[in-house]
Amino acid sequence: MRELVDFPATVCRVKTLADGGIRLELDLPETESSVLTTMHELHRSDRYLRIVVYDNDEFLDNLKNG
């Protein structure tokens, strides 16, 4: 599998909607502006995504140390 997009982020808001749905909002660094284009395309395509979350420090350590 190939990732559609890969970026660092922090969770800035989590809320429950009136219909019981859940909304997550992420903060990305300014250096990740290219992610916007990909996310807009994914939003327009109405694709269902699988999200896997890793701790960034652990992720980078694992990449370095294999």
PDB file of N, CA and C in Angstrom:
ATOM      1  N   MET A   1       0.842  -1.186   0.000  1.00  0.00           N
ATOM      2  CA  MET A   1       0.000   0.000   0.000  1.00  0.00           C
ATOM      3  C   MET A   1       0.885   1.246   0.000  1.00  0.00           C
ATOM      4  N   ARG A   2       0.376   2.259  -0.620  1.00  0.00           N
ATOM      5  CA  ARG A   2       1.064   3.556  -0.668  1.00  0.00           C
ATOM      6  C   ARG A   2       0.195   4.568   0.061  1.00  0.00           C
ATOM      7  N   GLU A   3       0.827   5.355   0.936  1.00  0.00           N
ATOM      8  CA  GLU A   3       0.038   6.363   1.655  1.00  0.00           C
ATOM      9  C   GLU A   3      -0.442   7.444   0.696  1.00  0.00           C
ATOM     10  N   LEU A   4      -1.615   7.964   0.963  1.00  0.00           N
ATOM     11  CA  LEU A   4      -2.163   9.062   0.169  1.00  0.00           C
ATOM     12  C   LEU A   4      -1.559  10.384   0.612  1.00  0.00           C
ATOM     13  N   VAL A   5      -1.298  10.482   1.896  1.00  0.00           N
ATOM     14  CA  VAL A   5      -0.703  11.693   2.463  1.00  0.00           C
ATOM     15  C   VAL A   5      -0.081  11.318   3.812  1.00  0.00           C
ATOM     16  N   ASP A   6       1.010  11.973   4.151  1.00  0.00           N
ATOM     17  CA  ASP A   6       1.708  11.705   5.413  1.00  0.00           C
ATOM     18  C   ASP A   6       2.173  13.054   5.951  1.00  0.00           C
ATOM     19  N   PHE A   7       1.758  13.397   7.168  1.00  0.00           N
ATOM     20  CA  PHE A   7       2.109  14.706   7.711  1.00  0.00           C
ATOM     21  C   PHE A   7       2.063  14.677   9.236  1.00  0.00           C
ATOM     22  N   PRO A   8       2.868  15.533   9.883  1.00  0.00           N
ATOM     23  CA  PRO A   8       2.798  15.674  11.331  1.00  0.00           C
ATOM     24  C   PRO A   8       1.651  16.620  11.693  1.00  0.00           C
ATOM     25  N   ALA A   9       1.010  16.364  12.817  1.00  0.00           N
ATOM     26  CA  ALA A   9      -0.100  17.226  13.245  1.00  0.00           C
ATOM     27  C   ALA A   9      -0.334  17.066  14.738  1.00  0.00           C
ATOM     28  N   THR A  10      -1.033  18.026  15.304  1.00  0.00           N
ATOM     29  CA  THR A  10      -1.529  17.910  16.673  1.00  0.00           C
ATOM     30  C   THR A  10      -3.051  17.991  16.617  1.00  0.00           C
ATOM     31  N   VAL A  11      -3.694  17.361  17.585  1.00  0.00           N
ATOM     32  CA  VAL A  11      -5.151  17.423  17.670  1.00  0.00           C
ATOM     33  C   VAL A  11      -5.496  18.719  18.392  1.00  0.00           C
ATOM     34  N   CYS A  12      -6.280  19.574  17.751  1.00  0.00           N
ATOM     35  CA  CYS A  12      -6.622  20.845  18.397  1.00  0.00           C
ATOM     36  C   CYS A  12      -8.067  20.869  18.896  1.00  0.00           C
ATOM     37  N   ARG A  13      -8.929  20.001  18.343  1.00  0.00           N
ATOM     38  CA  ARG A  13     -10.316  19.996  18.806  1.00  0.00           C
ATOM     39  C   ARG A  13     -10.945  18.634  18.518  1.00  0.00           C
ATOM     40  N   VAL A  14     -11.707  18.158  19.478  1.00  0.00           N
ATOM     41  CA  VAL A  14     -12.504  16.943  19.320  1.00  0.00           C
ATOM     42  C   VAL A  14     -13.892  17.279  19.839  1.00  0.00           C
ATOM     43  N   LYS A  15     -14.920  17.036  19.014  1.00  0.00           N
ATOM     44  CA  LYS A  15     -16.269  17.331  19.498  1.00  0.00           C
ATOM     45  C   LYS A  15     -17.276  16.339  18.938  1.00  0.00           C
ATOM     46  N   THR A  16     -18.357  16.188  19.683  1.00  0.00           N
ATOM     47  CA  THR A  16     -19.460  15.335  19.267  1.00  0.00           C
ATOM     48  C   THR A  16     -20.519  16.211  18.613  1.00  0.00           C
ATOM     49  N   LEU A  17     -21.022  15.779  17.466  1.00  0.00           N
ATOM     50  CA  LEU A  17     -22.036  16.538  16.743  1.00  0.00           C
ATOM     51  C   LEU A  17     -23.440  16.171  17.236  1.00  0.00           C
ATOM     52  N   ALA A  18     -24.402  16.995  16.916  1.00  0.00           N
ATOM     53  CA  ALA A  18     -25.785  16.787  17.363  1.00  0.00           C
ATOM     54  C   ALA A  18     -26.337  15.442  16.904  1.00  0.00           C
ATOM     55  N   ASP A  19     -25.872  14.970  15.734  1.00  0.00           N
ATOM     56  CA  ASP A  19     -26.383  13.698  15.223  1.00  0.00           C
ATOM     57  C   ASP A  19     -25.596  12.494  15.751  1.00  0.00           C
ATOM     58  N   GLY A  20     -24.678  12.743  16.694  1.00  0.00           N
ATOM     59  CA  GLY A  20     -23.889  11.664  17.285  1.00  0.00           C
ATOM     60  C   GLY A  20     -22.569  11.425  16.572  1.00  0.00           C
ATOM     61  N   GLY A  21     -22.349  12.109  15.450  1.00  0.00           N
ATOM     62  CA  GLY A  21     -21.076  11.983  14.743  1.00  0.00           C
ATOM     63  C   GLY A  21     -19.944  12.616  15.541  1.00  0.00           C
ATOM     64  N   ILE A  22     -18.737  12.362  15.115  1.00  0.00           N
ATOM     65  CA  ILE A  22     -17.554  12.894  15.804  1.00  0.00           C
ATOM     66  C   ILE A  22     -16.753  13.723  14.814  1.00  0.00           C
ATOM     67  N   ARG A  23     -16.304  14.888  15.244  1.00  0.00           N
ATOM     68  CA  ARG A  23     -15.499  15.774  14.400  1.00  0.00           C
ATOM     69  C   ARG A  23     -14.138  15.947  15.054  1.00  0.00           C
ATOM     70  N   LEU A  24     -13.083  15.691  14.300  1.00  0.00           N
ATOM     71  CA  LEU A  24     -11.709  15.900  14.758  1.00  0.00           C
ATOM     72  C   LEU A  24     -11.096  17.032  13.953  1.00  0.00           C
ATOM     73  N   GLU A  25     -10.380  17.912  14.622  1.00  0.00           N
ATOM     74  CA  GLU A  25      -9.717  19.018  13.939  1.00  0.00           C
ATOM     75  C   GLU A  25      -8.233  18.945  14.248  1.00  0.00           C
ATOM     76  N   LEU A  26      -7.406  19.054  13.225  1.00  0.00           N
ATOM     77  CA  LEU A  26      -5.957  18.937  13.374  1.00  0.00           C
ATOM     78  C   LEU A  26      -5.269  20.255  13.068  1.00  0.00           C
ATOM     79  N   ASP A  27      -4.170  20.510  13.762  1.00  0.00           N
ATOM     80  CA  ASP A  27      -3.283  21.637  13.455  1.00  0.00           C
ATOM     81  C   ASP A  27      -2.045  21.069  12.778  1.00  0.00           C
ATOM     82  N   LEU A  28      -1.693  21.638  11.624  1.00  0.00           N
ATOM     83  CA  LEU A  28      -0.495  21.232  10.897  1.00  0.00           C
ATOM     84  C   LEU A  28       0.490  22.386  10.896  1.00  0.00           C
ATOM     85  N   PRO A  29       1.781  22.074  10.845  1.00  0.00           N
ATOM     86  CA  PRO A  29       2.773  23.148  10.739  1.00  0.00           C
ATOM     87  C   PRO A  29       2.617  23.887   9.408  1.00  0.00           C
ATOM     88  N   GLU A  30       3.046  25.130   9.370  1.00  0.00           N
ATOM     89  CA  GLU A  30       2.958  25.935   8.150  1.00  0.00           C
ATOM     90  C   GLU A  30       3.722  25.297   6.995  1.00  0.00           C
ATOM     91  N   THR A  31       4.708  24.467   7.299  1.00  0.00           N
ATOM     92  CA  THR A  31       5.515  23.823   6.263  1.00  0.00           C
ATOM     93  C   THR A  31       4.742  22.743   5.501  1.00  0.00           C
ATOM     94  N   GLU A  32       3.543  22.393   5.969  1.00  0.00           N
ATOM     95  CA  GLU A  32       2.759  21.315   5.355  1.00  0.00           C
ATOM     96  C   GLU A  32       1.639  21.835   4.459  1.00  0.00           C
ATOM     97  N   SER A  33       1.828  22.993   3.846  1.00  0.00           N
ATOM     98  CA  SER A  33       0.768  23.580   3.021  1.00  0.00           C
ATOM     99  C   SER A  33       0.401  22.696   1.825  1.00  0.00           C
ATOM    100  N   SER A  34       1.314  21.861   1.361  1.00  0.00           N
ATOM    101  CA  SER A  34       1.002  20.977   0.231  1.00  0.00           C
ATOM    102  C   SER A  34      -0.054  19.936   0.599  1.00  0.00           C
ATOM    103  N   VAL A  35      -0.205  19.672   1.890  1.00  0.00           N
ATOM    104  CA  VAL A  35      -1.209  18.712   2.359  1.00  0.00           C
ATOM    105  C   VAL A  35      -2.616  19.222   2.027  1.00  0.00           C
ATOM    106  N   LEU A  36      -2.792  20.538   2.006  1.00  0.00           N
ATOM    107  CA  LEU A  36      -4.106  21.123   1.721  1.00  0.00           C
ATOM    108  C   LEU A  36      -4.672  20.639   0.394  1.00  0.00           C
ATOM    109  N   THR A  37      -3.840  20.642  -0.624  1.00  0.00           N
ATOM    110  CA  THR A  37      -4.297  20.217  -1.946  1.00  0.00           C
ATOM    111  C   THR A  37      -4.792  18.777  -1.907  1.00  0.00           C
ATOM    112  N   THR A  38      -4.001  17.909  -1.307  1.00  0.00           N
ATOM    113  CA  THR A  38      -4.383  16.494  -1.215  1.00  0.00           C
ATOM    114  C   THR A  38      -5.659  16.323  -0.413  1.00  0.00           C
ATOM    115  N   MET A  39      -5.768  17.012   0.708  1.00  0.00           N
ATOM    116  CA  MET A  39      -6.953  16.869   1.552  1.00  0.00           C
ATOM    117  C   MET A  39      -8.198  17.414   0.851  1.00  0.00           C
ATOM    118  N   HIS A  40      -8.060  18.508   0.102  1.00  0.00           N
ATOM    119  CA  HIS A  40      -9.191  19.033  -0.675  1.00  0.00           C
ATOM    120  C   HIS A  40      -9.644  18.004  -1.716  1.00  0.00           C
ATOM    121  N   GLU A  41      -8.696  17.385  -2.393  1.00  0.00           N
ATOM    122  CA  GLU A  41      -9.027  16.371  -3.390  1.00  0.00           C
ATOM    123  C   GLU A  41      -9.734  15.181  -2.750  1.00  0.00           C
ATOM    124  N   LEU A  42      -9.246  14.742  -1.589  1.00  0.00           N
ATOM    125  CA  LEU A  42      -9.873  13.619  -0.892  1.00  0.00           C
ATOM    126  C   LEU A  42     -11.276  13.993  -0.419  1.00  0.00           C
ATOM    127  N   HIS A  43     -11.439  15.221   0.042  1.00  0.00           N
ATOM    128  CA  HIS A  43     -12.749  15.685   0.501  1.00  0.00           C
ATOM    129  C   HIS A  43     -13.745  15.694  -0.659  1.00  0.00           C
ATOM    130  N   ARG A  44     -13.325  16.208  -1.801  1.00  0.00           N
ATOM    131  CA  ARG A  44     -14.205  16.264  -2.979  1.00  0.00           C
ATOM    132  C   ARG A  44     -14.551  14.874  -3.501  1.00  0.00           C
ATOM    133  N   SER A  45     -13.626  13.928  -3.366  1.00  0.00           N
ATOM    134  CA  SER A  45     -13.881  12.584  -3.895  1.00  0.00           C
ATOM    135  C   SER A  45     -14.790  11.768  -2.982  1.00  0.00           C
ATOM    136  N   ASP A  46     -15.051  12.294  -1.779  1.00  0.00           N
ATOM    137  CA  ASP A  46     -15.935  11.638  -0.820  1.00  0.00           C
ATOM    138  C   ASP A  46     -15.486  10.202  -0.526  1.00  0.00           C
ATOM    139  N   ARG A  47     -14.174   9.998  -0.483  1.00  0.00           N
ATOM    140  CA  ARG A  47     -13.616   8.681  -0.190  1.00  0.00           C
ATOM    141  C   ARG A  47     -13.605   8.434   1.307  1.00  0.00           C
ATOM    142  N   TYR A  48     -13.801   7.195   1.699  1.00  0.00           N
ATOM    143  CA  TYR A  48     -13.701   6.808   3.103  1.00  0.00           C
ATOM    144  C   TYR A  48     -12.251   6.440   3.358  1.00  0.00           C
ATOM    145  N   LEU A  49     -11.651   6.967   4.404  1.00  0.00           N
ATOM    146  CA  LEU A  49     -10.234   6.795   4.680  1.00  0.00           C
ATOM    147  C   LEU A  49     -10.001   5.971   5.937  1.00  0.00           C
ATOM    148  N   ARG A  50      -8.876   5.308   6.003  1.00  0.00           N
ATOM    149  CA  ARG A  50      -8.421   4.620   7.214  1.00  0.00           C
ATOM    150  C   ARG A  50      -7.335   5.493   7.820  1.00  0.00           C
ATOM    151  N   ILE A  51      -7.511   5.911   9.061  1.00  0.00           N
ATOM    152  CA  ILE A  51      -6.538   6.776   9.729  1.00  0.00           C
ATOM    153  C   ILE A  51      -5.817   5.960  10.797  1.00  0.00           C
ATOM    154  N   VAL A  52      -4.486   5.972  10.741  1.00  0.00           N
ATOM    155  CA  VAL A  52      -3.657   5.305  11.743  1.00  0.00           C
ATOM    156  C   VAL A  52      -2.805   6.388  12.380  1.00  0.00           C
ATOM    157  N   VAL A  53      -2.786   6.455  13.706  1.00  0.00           N
ATOM    158  CA  VAL A  53      -2.075   7.532  14.401  1.00  0.00           C
ATOM    159  C   VAL A  53      -0.876   6.955  15.156  1.00  0.00           C
ATOM    160  N   TYR A  54       0.273   7.571  14.958  1.00  0.00           N
ATOM    161  CA  TYR A  54       1.496   7.213  15.664  1.00  0.00           C
ATOM    162  C   TYR A  54       1.997   8.430  16.424  1.00  0.00           C
ATOM    163  N   ASP A  55       2.698   8.202  17.519  1.00  0.00           N
ATOM    164  CA  ASP A  55       3.425   9.272  18.184  1.00  0.00           C
ATOM    165  C   ASP A  55       4.578   9.668  17.259  1.00  0.00           C
ATOM    166  N   ASN A  56       4.739  10.936  16.967  1.00  0.00           N
ATOM    167  CA  ASN A  56       5.734  11.384  15.991  1.00  0.00           C
ATOM    168  C   ASN A  56       7.156  11.007  16.391  1.00  0.00           C
ATOM    169  N   ASP A  57       7.517  11.193  17.660  1.00  0.00           N
ATOM    170  CA  ASP A  57       8.877  10.857  18.098  1.00  0.00           C
ATOM    171  C   ASP A  57       9.150   9.359  17.943  1.00  0.00           C
ATOM    172  N   GLU A  58       8.197   8.523  18.344  1.00  0.00           N
ATOM    173  CA  GLU A  58       8.341   7.075  18.182  1.00  0.00           C
ATOM    174  C   GLU A  58       8.461   6.705  16.710  1.00  0.00           C
ATOM    175  N   PHE A  59       7.646   7.319  15.884  1.00  0.00           N
ATOM    176  CA  PHE A  59       7.652   7.051  14.453  1.00  0.00           C
ATOM    177  C   PHE A  59       9.019   7.366  13.851  1.00  0.00           C
ATOM    178  N   LEU A  60       9.553   8.556  14.161  1.00  0.00           N
ATOM    179  CA  LEU A  60      10.855   8.954  13.618  1.00  0.00           C
ATOM    180  C   LEU A  60      11.967   8.069  14.139  1.00  0.00           C
ATOM    181  N   ASP A  61      11.926   7.698  15.432  1.00  0.00           N
ATOM    182  CA  ASP A  61      12.919   6.782  15.993  1.00  0.00           C
ATOM    183  C   ASP A  61      12.893   5.444  15.266  1.00  0.00           C
ATOM    184  N   ASN A  62      11.685   4.946  14.999  1.00  0.00           N
ATOM    185  CA  ASN A  62      11.546   3.672  14.316  1.00  0.00           C
ATOM    186  C   ASN A  62      12.099   3.735  12.894  1.00  0.00           C
ATOM    187  N   LEU A  63      11.888   4.856  12.218  1.00  0.00           N
ATOM    188  CA  LEU A  63      12.438   5.017  10.875  1.00  0.00           C
ATOM    189  C   LEU A  63      13.964   5.006  10.895  1.00  0.00           C
ATOM    190  N   LYS A  64      14.540   5.680  11.895  1.00  0.00           N
ATOM    191  CA  LYS A  64      16.007   5.764  12.009  1.00  0.00           C
ATOM    192  C   LYS A  64      16.617   4.417  12.359  1.00  0.00           C
ATOM    193  N   ASN A  65      15.972   3.713  13.300  1.00  0.00           N
ATOM    194  CA  ASN A  65      16.557   2.485  13.852  1.00  0.00           C
ATOM    195  C   ASN A  65      16.035   1.220  13.205  1.00  0.00           C
ATOM    196  N   GLY A  66      15.113   1.370  12.271  1.00  0.00           N
ATOM    197  CA  GLY A  66      14.571   0.234  11.530  1.00  0.00           C
ATOM    198  C   GLY A  66      13.789  -0.663  12.376  1.00  0.00           C
TER     199      GLY A  66
END
